[in-house]
Amino acid sequence: MGKVGDCDICNEKADLTFRRVEVWRNATWRLTMSNFSDVKGFCYLEPIKHIEYITELEGKEADEFGKILAYASKAIKKATGAKLVYVYIFGDHIPHLHVHLAPHIDGDNYADDVIKSGINIKEDMMTDEEQLKLKGAIKHQMSSLH
C-alpha cells in the first residue's frame, strides 16, 4: 500500500488536475464531477479511506460499494439525461480506488467504444456555472435515492 500523502486523491491534487468538484459524500465514499472530460457529468466514485484496489475493499466500504455505485449511476443518468452510465475501473494510474462514471448519450465520444484513442479531451467542457448547476442536480438525485 502506498503512502497516503503521495496519493493524488488523498492529497486532493487529482481534484485540481481534473478540475473536479465534490458532489456528494458520506463517511466512507465521495462522488466528484470532473470538468476535464469529453462528456458532461463525468464523475468519479472513490473511498474516503486510502484503498488502492477493488480487491482490497473490506468492512463498510465493501458493504456499501454496490449500493452507492448504483445510486450514483442512477443520479448521474437522471441529472444528465444520459441513455446509460458506463462504469469502469483501470486501477494503475493513480494508486487509489476510483470508479469512472461516464454518462453516455447518442452521438458522444462513447458511441462506439467506451475508450477511443485520439480523443481530444476538453479541459473546459462546462462553464463554472454549468458545472455548479449539474453538480446540484446530481447531488439532488443522490439525496432522493436513499
N, C-alpha and C. Protein backbone atom coordinates (compact mmCIF):
# COMPACT_ATOMS: atom_id res chain seq x y z
N MET A 1 0.84 -1.18 0.00
CA MET A 1 0.00 0.00 0.00
C MET A 1 0.89 1.24 0.00
N GLY A 2 0.59 2.20 -0.87
CA GLY A 2 1.36 3.43 -0.96
C GLY A 2 1.10 4.36 0.21
N LYS A 3 1.89 5.39 0.28
CA LYS A 3 1.72 6.39 1.33
C LYS A 3 0.57 7.31 0.98
N VAL A 4 -0.26 7.61 1.96
CA VAL A 4 -1.44 8.45 1.74
C VAL A 4 -1.03 9.82 1.22
N GLY A 5 0.03 10.41 1.75
CA GLY A 5 0.47 11.73 1.32
C GLY A 5 0.91 11.77 -0.13
N ASP A 6 1.34 10.63 -0.65
CA ASP A 6 1.76 10.54 -2.06
C ASP A 6 0.59 10.31 -3.01
N CYS A 7 -0.56 10.02 -2.48
CA CYS A 7 -1.74 9.70 -3.29
C CYS A 7 -2.42 10.99 -3.75
N ASP A 8 -2.54 11.16 -5.06
CA ASP A 8 -3.14 12.39 -5.60
C ASP A 8 -4.62 12.53 -5.28
N ILE A 9 -5.28 11.45 -4.93
CA ILE A 9 -6.67 11.56 -4.49
C ILE A 9 -6.73 11.98 -3.02
N CYS A 10 -5.92 11.36 -2.18
CA CYS A 10 -5.90 11.72 -0.76
C CYS A 10 -5.41 13.15 -0.53
N ASN A 11 -4.39 13.58 -1.29
CA ASN A 11 -3.87 14.93 -1.08
C ASN A 11 -4.58 15.97 -1.95
N GLU A 12 -5.62 15.55 -2.66
CA GLU A 12 -6.52 16.41 -3.44
C GLU A 12 -5.89 17.01 -4.70
N LYS A 13 -4.71 16.55 -5.11
CA LYS A 13 -4.12 17.03 -6.37
C LYS A 13 -4.98 16.62 -7.56
N ALA A 14 -5.61 15.44 -7.47
CA ALA A 14 -6.47 14.98 -8.57
C ALA A 14 -7.64 15.94 -8.77
N ASP A 15 -8.16 16.51 -7.68
CA ASP A 15 -9.27 17.47 -7.80
C ASP A 15 -8.84 18.68 -8.63
N LEU A 16 -7.64 19.16 -8.38
CA LEU A 16 -7.13 20.31 -9.13
C LEU A 16 -6.80 19.93 -10.58
N THR A 17 -6.10 18.83 -10.75
CA THR A 17 -5.67 18.40 -12.08
C THR A 17 -6.84 18.17 -13.01
N PHE A 18 -7.87 17.50 -12.53
CA PHE A 18 -9.02 17.14 -13.37
C PHE A 18 -10.21 18.08 -13.16
N ARG A 19 -9.96 19.21 -12.50
CA ARG A 19 -10.99 20.22 -12.25
C ARG A 19 -12.25 19.57 -11.69
N ARG A 20 -12.04 18.79 -10.62
CA ARG A 20 -13.14 18.06 -10.01
C ARG A 20 -13.78 18.87 -8.89
N VAL A 21 -15.08 18.75 -8.77
CA VAL A 21 -15.82 19.32 -7.65
C VAL A 21 -16.51 18.18 -6.93
N GLU A 22 -16.54 18.28 -5.62
CA GLU A 22 -17.23 17.25 -4.85
C GLU A 22 -18.73 17.46 -4.96
N VAL A 23 -19.43 16.38 -5.30
CA VAL A 23 -20.87 16.42 -5.49
C VAL A 23 -21.59 15.86 -4.26
N TRP A 24 -21.02 14.81 -3.69
CA TRP A 24 -21.69 14.09 -2.59
C TRP A 24 -20.63 13.35 -1.80
N ARG A 25 -20.91 13.15 -0.51
CA ARG A 25 -20.03 12.33 0.31
C ARG A 25 -20.81 11.80 1.50
N ASN A 26 -20.38 10.63 1.98
CA ASN A 26 -20.83 10.13 3.27
C ASN A 26 -19.56 9.82 4.07
N ALA A 27 -19.65 9.02 5.08
CA ALA A 27 -18.47 8.76 5.92
C ALA A 27 -17.42 7.90 5.22
N THR A 28 -17.80 7.15 4.19
CA THR A 28 -16.86 6.22 3.57
C THR A 28 -16.60 6.45 2.08
N TRP A 29 -17.49 7.14 1.39
CA TRP A 29 -17.36 7.33 -0.06
C TRP A 29 -17.57 8.79 -0.43
N ARG A 30 -16.99 9.19 -1.57
CA ARG A 30 -17.25 10.52 -2.12
C ARG A 30 -17.43 10.41 -3.62
N LEU A 31 -18.26 11.30 -4.17
CA LEU A 31 -18.52 11.39 -5.59
C LEU A 31 -18.07 12.76 -6.05
N THR A 32 -17.20 12.80 -7.08
CA THR A 32 -16.75 14.06 -7.64
C THR A 32 -17.11 14.10 -9.12
N MET A 33 -17.24 15.31 -9.64
CA MET A 33 -17.52 15.50 -11.05
C MET A 33 -16.37 16.29 -11.66
N SER A 34 -15.93 15.85 -12.83
CA SER A 34 -14.79 16.48 -13.50
C SER A 34 -15.25 17.39 -14.62
N ASN A 35 -14.55 18.52 -14.76
CA ASN A 35 -14.79 19.39 -15.90
C ASN A 35 -13.68 19.21 -16.93
N PHE A 36 -12.86 18.20 -16.73
CA PHE A 36 -11.76 17.84 -17.64
C PHE A 36 -12.15 16.51 -18.24
N SER A 37 -13.05 16.56 -19.21
CA SER A 37 -13.66 15.34 -19.73
C SER A 37 -14.15 15.56 -21.14
N ASP A 38 -14.60 14.49 -21.76
CA ASP A 38 -15.19 14.64 -23.08
C ASP A 38 -16.71 14.46 -23.06
N VAL A 39 -17.29 14.28 -21.87
CA VAL A 39 -18.74 14.25 -21.71
C VAL A 39 -19.12 15.02 -20.45
N LYS A 40 -20.26 15.70 -20.50
CA LYS A 40 -20.74 16.44 -19.33
C LYS A 40 -21.23 15.46 -18.28
N GLY A 41 -20.86 15.71 -17.04
CA GLY A 41 -21.32 14.88 -15.94
C GLY A 41 -20.43 13.70 -15.62
N PHE A 42 -19.23 13.65 -16.20
CA PHE A 42 -18.29 12.56 -15.91
C PHE A 42 -17.89 12.63 -14.44
N CYS A 43 -18.08 11.53 -13.72
CA CYS A 43 -17.84 11.51 -12.28
C CYS A 43 -16.88 10.41 -11.86
N TYR A 44 -16.38 10.56 -10.65
CA TYR A 44 -15.53 9.55 -10.02
C TYR A 44 -16.13 9.21 -8.66
N LEU A 45 -16.24 7.93 -8.37
CA LEU A 45 -16.65 7.45 -7.06
C LEU A 45 -15.43 6.83 -6.42
N GLU A 46 -15.09 7.27 -5.21
CA GLU A 46 -13.88 6.76 -4.55
C GLU A 46 -14.07 6.69 -3.04
N PRO A 47 -13.40 5.73 -2.40
CA PRO A 47 -13.49 5.65 -0.95
C PRO A 47 -12.72 6.81 -0.32
N ILE A 48 -13.21 7.30 0.81
CA ILE A 48 -12.51 8.34 1.56
C ILE A 48 -11.19 7.77 2.08
N LYS A 49 -11.26 6.57 2.63
CA LYS A 49 -10.07 5.89 3.14
C LYS A 49 -9.16 5.50 1.97
N HIS A 50 -7.87 5.58 2.17
CA HIS A 50 -6.93 5.20 1.12
C HIS A 50 -6.96 3.69 0.91
N ILE A 51 -7.58 3.28 -0.18
CA ILE A 51 -7.66 1.89 -0.59
C ILE A 51 -7.19 1.86 -2.04
N GLU A 52 -6.16 1.09 -2.31
CA GLU A 52 -5.57 1.14 -3.64
C GLU A 52 -6.38 0.41 -4.71
N TYR A 53 -6.87 -0.77 -4.42
CA TYR A 53 -7.52 -1.58 -5.45
C TYR A 53 -8.84 -2.14 -4.96
N ILE A 54 -9.72 -2.46 -5.89
CA ILE A 54 -11.04 -3.01 -5.54
C ILE A 54 -10.90 -4.31 -4.75
N THR A 55 -9.82 -5.05 -4.99
CA THR A 55 -9.59 -6.31 -4.28
C THR A 55 -9.27 -6.09 -2.81
N GLU A 56 -9.02 -4.83 -2.41
CA GLU A 56 -8.69 -4.52 -1.01
C GLU A 56 -9.89 -3.96 -0.25
N LEU A 57 -11.06 -3.89 -0.88
CA LEU A 57 -12.25 -3.40 -0.18
C LEU A 57 -12.62 -4.36 0.94
N GLU A 58 -12.86 -3.80 2.12
CA GLU A 58 -13.28 -4.57 3.29
C GLU A 58 -14.25 -3.71 4.09
N GLY A 59 -14.88 -4.34 5.05
CA GLY A 59 -15.71 -3.62 6.00
C GLY A 59 -16.81 -2.79 5.37
N LYS A 60 -17.01 -1.60 5.93
CA LYS A 60 -18.09 -0.73 5.50
C LYS A 60 -17.96 -0.33 4.03
N GLU A 61 -16.73 -0.07 3.56
CA GLU A 61 -16.53 0.29 2.15
C GLU A 61 -17.04 -0.83 1.24
N ALA A 62 -16.72 -2.06 1.57
CA ALA A 62 -17.18 -3.21 0.78
C ALA A 62 -18.70 -3.37 0.88
N ASP A 63 -19.24 -3.20 2.09
CA ASP A 63 -20.67 -3.35 2.29
C ASP A 63 -21.49 -2.33 1.50
N GLU A 64 -20.98 -1.11 1.39
CA GLU A 64 -21.72 -0.04 0.74
C GLU A 64 -21.46 0.09 -0.77
N PHE A 65 -20.39 -0.50 -1.25
CA PHE A 65 -19.93 -0.25 -2.61
C PHE A 65 -21.02 -0.41 -3.68
N GLY A 66 -21.66 -1.55 -3.74
CA GLY A 66 -22.65 -1.80 -4.79
C GLY A 66 -23.84 -0.85 -4.71
N LYS A 67 -24.33 -0.63 -3.51
CA LYS A 67 -25.49 0.24 -3.32
C LYS A 67 -25.18 1.67 -3.74
N ILE A 68 -24.02 2.18 -3.30
CA ILE A 68 -23.67 3.57 -3.63
C ILE A 68 -23.33 3.70 -5.12
N LEU A 69 -22.69 2.70 -5.69
CA LEU A 69 -22.41 2.72 -7.12
C LEU A 69 -23.71 2.79 -7.93
N ALA A 70 -24.69 2.00 -7.52
CA ALA A 70 -25.99 2.02 -8.21
C ALA A 70 -26.68 3.37 -8.04
N TYR A 71 -26.69 3.92 -6.82
CA TYR A 71 -27.31 5.22 -6.57
C TYR A 71 -26.62 6.32 -7.39
N ALA A 72 -25.30 6.33 -7.37
CA ALA A 72 -24.56 7.36 -8.10
C ALA A 72 -24.84 7.26 -9.60
N SER A 73 -24.84 6.05 -10.14
CA SER A 73 -25.11 5.87 -11.56
C SER A 73 -26.52 6.35 -11.92
N LYS A 74 -27.50 6.02 -11.09
CA LYS A 74 -28.87 6.48 -11.32
C LYS A 74 -28.96 8.00 -11.25
N ALA A 75 -28.29 8.58 -10.26
CA ALA A 75 -28.32 10.04 -10.09
C ALA A 75 -27.72 10.74 -11.30
N ILE A 76 -26.58 10.25 -11.77
CA ILE A 76 -25.91 10.85 -12.92
C ILE A 76 -26.77 10.69 -14.17
N LYS A 77 -27.36 9.52 -14.35
CA LYS A 77 -28.22 9.27 -15.51
C LYS A 77 -29.40 10.23 -15.53
N LYS A 78 -30.07 10.37 -14.40
CA LYS A 78 -31.23 11.25 -14.33
C LYS A 78 -30.84 12.72 -14.51
N ALA A 79 -29.77 13.14 -13.86
CA ALA A 79 -29.37 14.55 -13.91
C ALA A 79 -28.87 14.97 -15.28
N THR A 80 -28.25 14.06 -16.01
CA THR A 80 -27.69 14.40 -17.32
C THR A 80 -28.61 14.04 -18.49
N GLY A 81 -29.62 13.23 -18.23
CA GLY A 81 -30.48 12.75 -19.30
C GLY A 81 -29.80 11.69 -20.16
N ALA A 82 -28.77 11.05 -19.60
CA ALA A 82 -28.00 10.05 -20.33
C ALA A 82 -28.83 8.81 -20.63
N LYS A 83 -28.46 8.15 -21.71
CA LYS A 83 -29.07 6.88 -22.09
C LYS A 83 -28.67 5.80 -21.08
N LEU A 84 -27.41 5.84 -20.68
CA LEU A 84 -26.87 4.93 -19.66
C LEU A 84 -25.59 5.54 -19.11
N VAL A 85 -25.04 4.93 -18.08
CA VAL A 85 -23.79 5.39 -17.48
C VAL A 85 -22.79 4.25 -17.54
N TYR A 86 -21.69 4.49 -18.26
CA TYR A 86 -20.62 3.50 -18.30
C TYR A 86 -19.89 3.54 -16.97
N VAL A 87 -19.54 2.36 -16.45
CA VAL A 87 -18.82 2.23 -15.19
C VAL A 87 -17.55 1.44 -15.46
N TYR A 88 -16.41 2.03 -15.13
CA TYR A 88 -15.16 1.30 -15.35
C TYR A 88 -14.08 1.71 -14.37
N ILE A 89 -13.16 0.78 -14.15
CA ILE A 89 -12.03 0.97 -13.25
C ILE A 89 -10.78 0.51 -13.97
N PHE A 90 -9.75 1.35 -13.99
CA PHE A 90 -8.48 0.95 -14.57
C PHE A 90 -7.53 0.45 -13.49
N GLY A 91 -7.30 1.26 -12.46
CA GLY A 91 -6.58 0.80 -11.29
C GLY A 91 -5.09 0.95 -11.22
N ASP A 92 -4.43 1.44 -12.27
CA ASP A 92 -2.98 1.50 -12.11
C ASP A 92 -2.38 2.89 -12.34
N HIS A 93 -3.15 3.87 -12.72
CA HIS A 93 -2.59 5.20 -12.94
C HIS A 93 -2.43 5.97 -11.63
N ILE A 94 -3.49 6.01 -10.86
CA ILE A 94 -3.45 6.63 -9.52
C ILE A 94 -3.72 5.50 -8.53
N PRO A 95 -2.81 5.28 -7.59
CA PRO A 95 -2.96 4.15 -6.65
C PRO A 95 -3.99 4.41 -5.54
N HIS A 96 -5.22 4.70 -5.94
CA HIS A 96 -6.34 4.86 -5.02
C HIS A 96 -7.57 4.44 -5.82
N LEU A 97 -8.33 3.51 -5.30
CA LEU A 97 -9.51 3.04 -6.00
C LEU A 97 -10.39 4.21 -6.40
N HIS A 98 -10.72 4.29 -7.67
CA HIS A 98 -11.67 5.28 -8.15
C HIS A 98 -12.40 4.69 -9.35
N VAL A 99 -13.71 4.82 -9.30
CA VAL A 99 -14.57 4.28 -10.33
C VAL A 99 -14.96 5.42 -11.27
N HIS A 100 -14.77 5.23 -12.56
CA HIS A 100 -15.15 6.21 -13.56
C HIS A 100 -16.62 5.99 -13.90
N LEU A 101 -17.40 7.06 -13.86
CA LEU A 101 -18.82 7.00 -14.19
C LEU A 101 -19.06 7.98 -15.34
N ALA A 102 -19.22 7.44 -16.53
CA ALA A 102 -19.32 8.25 -17.74
C ALA A 102 -20.72 8.19 -18.32
N PRO A 103 -21.49 9.28 -18.21
CA PRO A 103 -22.82 9.28 -18.81
C PRO A 103 -22.70 9.24 -20.34
N HIS A 104 -23.53 8.42 -20.96
CA HIS A 104 -23.48 8.26 -22.41
C HIS A 104 -24.80 8.68 -23.05
N ILE A 105 -24.69 9.53 -24.05
CA ILE A 105 -25.85 9.89 -24.87
C ILE A 105 -25.48 9.63 -26.32
N ASP A 106 -26.46 9.37 -27.16
CA ASP A 106 -26.20 9.11 -28.57
C ASP A 106 -25.40 10.27 -29.17
N GLY A 107 -24.36 9.92 -29.93
CA GLY A 107 -23.56 10.91 -30.62
C GLY A 107 -22.34 11.39 -29.87
N ASP A 108 -22.17 10.98 -28.61
CA ASP A 108 -20.98 11.43 -27.88
C ASP A 108 -19.78 10.56 -28.26
N ASN A 109 -18.65 10.85 -27.66
CA ASN A 109 -17.43 10.11 -27.97
C ASN A 109 -17.47 8.65 -27.54
N TYR A 110 -18.45 8.27 -26.75
CA TYR A 110 -18.55 6.90 -26.29
C TYR A 110 -19.55 6.09 -27.13
N ALA A 111 -19.94 6.61 -28.27
CA ALA A 111 -20.97 5.96 -29.07
C ALA A 111 -20.56 4.57 -29.56
N ASP A 112 -19.30 4.38 -29.93
CA ASP A 112 -18.87 3.09 -30.45
C ASP A 112 -18.07 2.28 -29.45
N ASP A 113 -17.28 2.93 -28.65
CA ASP A 113 -16.43 2.28 -27.65
C ASP A 113 -16.39 3.12 -26.39
N VAL A 114 -16.16 2.48 -25.27
CA VAL A 114 -16.00 3.22 -24.03
C VAL A 114 -14.72 4.05 -24.10
N ILE A 115 -13.69 3.47 -24.66
CA ILE A 115 -12.40 4.15 -24.73
C ILE A 115 -11.96 4.20 -26.19
N LYS A 116 -11.66 5.37 -26.66
CA LYS A 116 -11.15 5.54 -28.02
C LYS A 116 -9.82 6.26 -27.94
N SER A 117 -8.88 5.83 -28.75
CA SER A 117 -7.63 6.56 -28.78
C SER A 117 -7.81 7.81 -29.62
N GLY A 118 -7.04 8.82 -29.29
CA GLY A 118 -7.07 10.04 -30.08
C GLY A 118 -8.17 11.02 -29.73
N ILE A 119 -8.93 10.76 -28.66
CA ILE A 119 -9.96 11.71 -28.25
C ILE A 119 -9.27 12.95 -27.70
N ASN A 120 -9.70 14.11 -28.14
CA ASN A 120 -9.20 15.35 -27.59
C ASN A 120 -10.08 15.75 -26.42
N ILE A 121 -9.55 15.59 -25.23
CA ILE A 121 -10.31 15.91 -24.02
C ILE A 121 -10.38 17.43 -23.88
N LYS A 122 -11.58 17.91 -23.63
CA LYS A 122 -11.79 19.34 -23.43
C LYS A 122 -11.60 19.67 -21.96
N GLU A 123 -10.74 20.63 -21.68
CA GLU A 123 -10.48 20.99 -20.29
C GLU A 123 -11.59 21.85 -19.71
N ASP A 124 -12.39 22.44 -20.55
CA ASP A 124 -13.48 23.30 -20.10
C ASP A 124 -14.78 22.86 -20.75
N MET A 125 -15.18 21.63 -20.46
CA MET A 125 -16.40 21.07 -21.02
C MET A 125 -17.61 21.93 -20.65
N MET A 126 -17.59 22.47 -19.43
CA MET A 126 -18.71 23.27 -18.95
C MET A 126 -18.17 24.56 -18.36
N THR A 127 -19.00 25.59 -18.39
CA THR A 127 -18.65 26.80 -17.65
C THR A 127 -18.76 26.48 -16.16
N ASP A 128 -18.19 27.32 -15.33
CA ASP A 128 -18.29 27.11 -13.88
C ASP A 128 -19.76 27.08 -13.46
N GLU A 129 -20.57 27.92 -14.07
CA GLU A 129 -21.99 27.97 -13.74
C GLU A 129 -22.70 26.67 -14.15
N GLU A 130 -22.38 26.15 -15.35
CA GLU A 130 -22.98 24.88 -15.79
C GLU A 130 -22.55 23.74 -14.89
N GLN A 131 -21.28 23.74 -14.49
CA GLN A 131 -20.77 22.69 -13.62
C GLN A 131 -21.48 22.74 -12.27
N LEU A 132 -21.65 23.94 -11.72
CA LEU A 132 -22.33 24.10 -10.44
C LEU A 132 -23.79 23.63 -10.53
N LYS A 133 -24.46 23.97 -11.63
CA LYS A 133 -25.85 23.56 -11.82
C LYS A 133 -25.97 22.04 -11.93
N LEU A 134 -25.10 21.41 -12.72
CA LEU A 134 -25.14 19.95 -12.87
C LEU A 134 -24.76 19.26 -11.57
N LYS A 135 -23.79 19.81 -10.86
CA LYS A 135 -23.41 19.27 -9.54
C LYS A 135 -24.64 19.25 -8.64
N GLY A 136 -25.39 20.35 -8.60
CA GLY A 136 -26.59 20.43 -7.78
C GLY A 136 -27.64 19.41 -8.18
N ALA A 137 -27.79 19.21 -9.49
CA ALA A 137 -28.78 18.25 -9.98
C ALA A 137 -28.40 16.82 -9.59
N ILE A 138 -27.13 16.48 -9.72
CA ILE A 138 -26.68 15.12 -9.34
C ILE A 138 -26.80 14.94 -7.83
N LYS A 139 -26.39 15.96 -7.08
CA LYS A 139 -26.49 15.90 -5.61
C LYS A 139 -27.95 15.70 -5.19
N HIS A 140 -28.86 16.43 -5.84
CA HIS A 140 -30.27 16.28 -5.54
C HIS A 140 -30.75 14.85 -5.82
N GLN A 141 -30.33 14.31 -6.95
CA GLN A 141 -30.72 12.95 -7.30
C GLN A 141 -30.15 11.95 -6.29
N MET A 142 -28.90 12.16 -5.85
CA MET A 142 -28.30 11.26 -4.84
C MET A 142 -29.13 11.28 -3.56
N SER A 143 -29.55 12.46 -3.12
CA SER A 143 -30.30 12.55 -1.86
C SER A 143 -31.68 11.95 -1.98
N SER A 144 -32.26 11.98 -3.18
CA SER A 144 -33.61 11.45 -3.35
C SER A 144 -33.62 9.93 -3.52
N LEU A 145 -32.48 9.32 -3.73
CA LEU A 145 -32.44 7.87 -3.94
C LEU A 145 -32.31 7.06 -2.66
N HIS A 146 -32.07 7.71 -1.55
CA HIS A 146 -31.88 6.96 -0.29
C HIS A 146 -33.17 6.63 0.36
